[in-house]
C-alpha cells in the first residue's frame, strides 16, 4: 500500500474507488502533477472518474494536510503528496519540472530577528529556480 493511502486509512478517510485511485496516482517520490494530469492518469485506471471528482478529492487532500498545493509562476497548480517530510522545491524555469530538495540548515534561522518585524515566524518556503539539464542543453 502506498504511503499516502496508509496515512489516509490511518485517519479513517473513507476510501471510495475514486478517492483510492487519486491517491494511488499521487503516490511516489518527486510527484508534482497538475489536476488535469491526475485526472488523465486516474481515468486510465478508472475510466468513469470525473474531472470534478478529481478536483474535489485534491481539495479534500489539501484541506486534510495530506497533499501540498504548489504554485509556480502562473503555471497550473501542482499537487505534492510529500506533505509530511520537510522539503523545498527546485523548479525549472524552462519546462516547469519540479524536484523535491532537502537543503542543509534551517531556513527559519536564515531570517534575522530584525527582519521579522515582530512576526512569530513558524514556517519558511524556499523555492530554487533554474534550468533542468534538458532545458539547459537546449539553450546552448
Protein backbone atom coordinates (compact mmCIF):
# COMPACT_ATOMS: atom_id res chain seq x y z
CA UNK A 1 0.00 0.00 0.00
CA UNK A 2 1.26 3.49 -0.77
CA UNK A 3 2.43 5.91 1.92
CA UNK A 4 -0.42 8.32 1.12
CA UNK A 5 -3.03 5.54 1.23
CA UNK A 6 -1.67 4.34 4.57
CA UNK A 7 -1.87 7.86 6.01
CA UNK A 8 -5.44 8.28 4.73
CA UNK A 9 -6.52 4.91 6.12
CA UNK A 10 -4.94 5.83 9.45
CA UNK A 11 -7.06 8.97 9.52
CA UNK A 12 -10.22 7.00 8.84
CA UNK A 13 -10.78 8.76 5.50
CA UNK A 14 -13.43 6.90 3.52
CA UNK A 15 -11.60 5.37 0.57
CA UNK A 16 -14.08 5.13 -2.28
CA UNK A 17 -12.74 3.70 -5.53
CA UNK A 18 -12.40 7.25 -6.91
CA UNK A 19 -10.51 8.56 -3.88
CA UNK A 20 -8.29 5.50 -3.85
CA UNK A 21 -7.27 5.88 -7.50
CA UNK A 22 -6.46 9.59 -6.99
CA UNK A 23 -4.27 8.69 -4.00
CA UNK A 24 -2.57 5.92 -5.99
CA UNK A 25 -1.81 8.32 -8.86
CA UNK A 26 -0.25 10.79 -6.43
CA UNK A 27 1.97 8.22 -4.75
CA UNK A 28 5.74 8.32 -5.23
CA UNK A 29 8.85 10.46 -4.98
CA UNK A 30 9.06 13.81 -6.77
CA UNK A 31 5.38 13.66 -7.77
CA UNK A 32 4.07 17.11 -8.69
CA UNK A 33 1.13 16.58 -11.01
CA UNK A 34 -1.45 19.11 -12.18
CA UNK A 35 -5.12 18.32 -11.57
CA UNK A 36 -5.51 17.53 -15.27
CA UNK A 37 -2.56 15.12 -15.13
CA UNK A 38 -4.06 13.45 -12.06
CA UNK A 39 -7.39 13.13 -13.90
CA UNK A 40 -5.78 11.67 -17.04
CA UNK A 41 -3.82 9.07 -15.06
CA UNK A 42 -6.79 8.26 -12.83
CA UNK A 43 -9.03 7.81 -15.90
CA UNK A 44 -6.58 5.22 -17.27
CA UNK A 45 -7.31 3.12 -14.16
CA UNK A 46 -10.92 4.12 -13.59
CA UNK A 47 -12.43 5.42 -16.87
CA UNK A 48 -15.66 6.69 -15.27
CA UNK A 49 -13.89 9.08 -12.85
CA UNK A 50 -14.95 12.67 -13.49
CA UNK A 51 -12.76 15.76 -13.53
CA UNK A 52 -14.97 17.25 -10.77
CA UNK A 53 -14.34 14.23 -8.54
CA UNK A 54 -10.58 14.59 -9.05
CA UNK A 55 -10.69 18.31 -8.26
CA UNK A 56 -12.86 17.74 -5.18
CA UNK A 57 -10.61 14.93 -3.95
CA UNK A 58 -7.48 17.04 -4.42
CA UNK A 59 -9.15 19.86 -2.50
CA UNK A 60 -10.00 17.50 0.35
CA UNK A 61 -6.44 16.13 0.45
CA UNK A 62 -5.03 19.67 0.63
CA UNK A 63 -7.50 20.59 3.40
CA UNK A 64 -6.50 17.46 5.32
CA UNK A 65 -2.84 18.44 5.00
CA UNK A 66 -2.01 15.21 3.20
CA UNK A 67 -1.10 16.92 -0.08
CA UNK A 68 0.62 20.26 -0.68
CA UNK A 69 -0.61 22.60 -3.41
CA UNK A 70 2.41 24.06 -5.24
CA UNK A 71 2.01 27.23 -7.34
CA UNK A 72 4.70 28.04 -9.88
CA UNK A 73 4.80 31.38 -11.68
CA UNK A 74 1.35 31.40 -13.26
CA UNK A 75 1.50 27.77 -14.34
CA UNK A 76 -1.16 25.28 -13.27
CA UNK A 77 -1.08 24.33 -9.60
CA UNK A 78 0.64 21.06 -8.85
CA UNK A 79 -0.06 18.58 -6.09
CA UNK A 80 2.73 17.16 -3.92
CA UNK A 81 1.98 14.15 -1.67
CA UNK A 82 5.24 14.65 0.22
CA UNK A 83 3.40 16.72 2.85
CA UNK A 84 4.90 15.13 5.94
CA UNK A 85 8.59 15.37 5.07
CA UNK A 86 10.01 18.90 5.26
CA UNK A 87 11.46 19.90 1.91
CA UNK A 88 11.79 22.72 -0.57
CA UNK A 89 11.31 22.77 -4.35
CA UNK A 90 13.65 23.14 -7.31
CA UNK A 91 11.73 24.36 -10.36
CA UNK A 92 12.88 24.50 -13.98
CA UNK A 93 12.07 27.91 -15.41
CA UNK A 94 12.04 26.35 -18.89
CA UNK A 95 9.73 23.34 -18.74
CA UNK A 96 8.31 23.68 -15.22
CA UNK A 97 9.70 20.37 -13.91
CA UNK A 98 9.74 20.24 -10.10
CA UNK A 99 12.01 18.24 -7.81
CA UNK A 100 11.92 17.95 -4.02
CA UNK A 101 15.18 19.07 -2.39
CA UNK A 102 16.43 18.91 1.18
CA UNK A 103 18.92 21.76 1.75
CA UNK A 104 21.04 21.77 4.86
CA UNK A 105 20.22 24.19 7.64
CA UNK A 106 17.06 25.74 8.97
CA UNK A 107 15.51 28.33 6.62
CA UNK A 108 13.84 29.98 9.63
CA UNK A 109 17.25 30.63 11.16
CA UNK A 110 18.33 32.43 7.97
CA UNK A 111 15.90 35.29 8.67
CA UNK A 112 17.50 37.68 11.18
CA UNK A 113 15.34 38.87 14.09
CA UNK A 114 15.41 42.49 12.85
CA UNK A 115 13.90 41.32 9.52
CA UNK A 116 10.96 39.56 11.17
CA UNK A 117 9.13 42.79 12.03
CA UNK A 118 7.70 41.26 15.18
CA UNK A 119 6.21 38.27 13.36
CA UNK A 120 6.22 34.92 15.17
CA UNK A 121 7.54 33.09 12.12
CA UNK A 122 6.56 29.42 12.07
CA UNK A 123 7.24 28.34 8.50
CA UNK A 124 9.50 29.19 5.58
CA UNK A 125 9.08 28.24 1.93
CA UNK A 126 12.16 28.42 -0.24
CA UNK A 127 11.95 27.82 -3.98
CA UNK A 128 15.06 27.32 -6.07
CA UNK A 129 14.73 28.15 -9.77
CA UNK A 130 16.93 27.38 -12.72
CA UNK A 131 17.13 25.24 -15.82
CA UNK A 132 16.98 21.45 -15.70
CA UNK A 133 19.66 19.56 -17.66
CA UNK A 134 17.31 19.06 -20.65
CA UNK A 135 16.39 22.77 -20.88
CA UNK A 136 19.96 23.93 -20.18
CA UNK A 137 21.14 21.74 -23.07
CA UNK A 138 18.63 23.41 -25.40
CA UNK A 139 19.85 26.93 -24.61
CA UNK A 140 23.44 26.39 -25.65
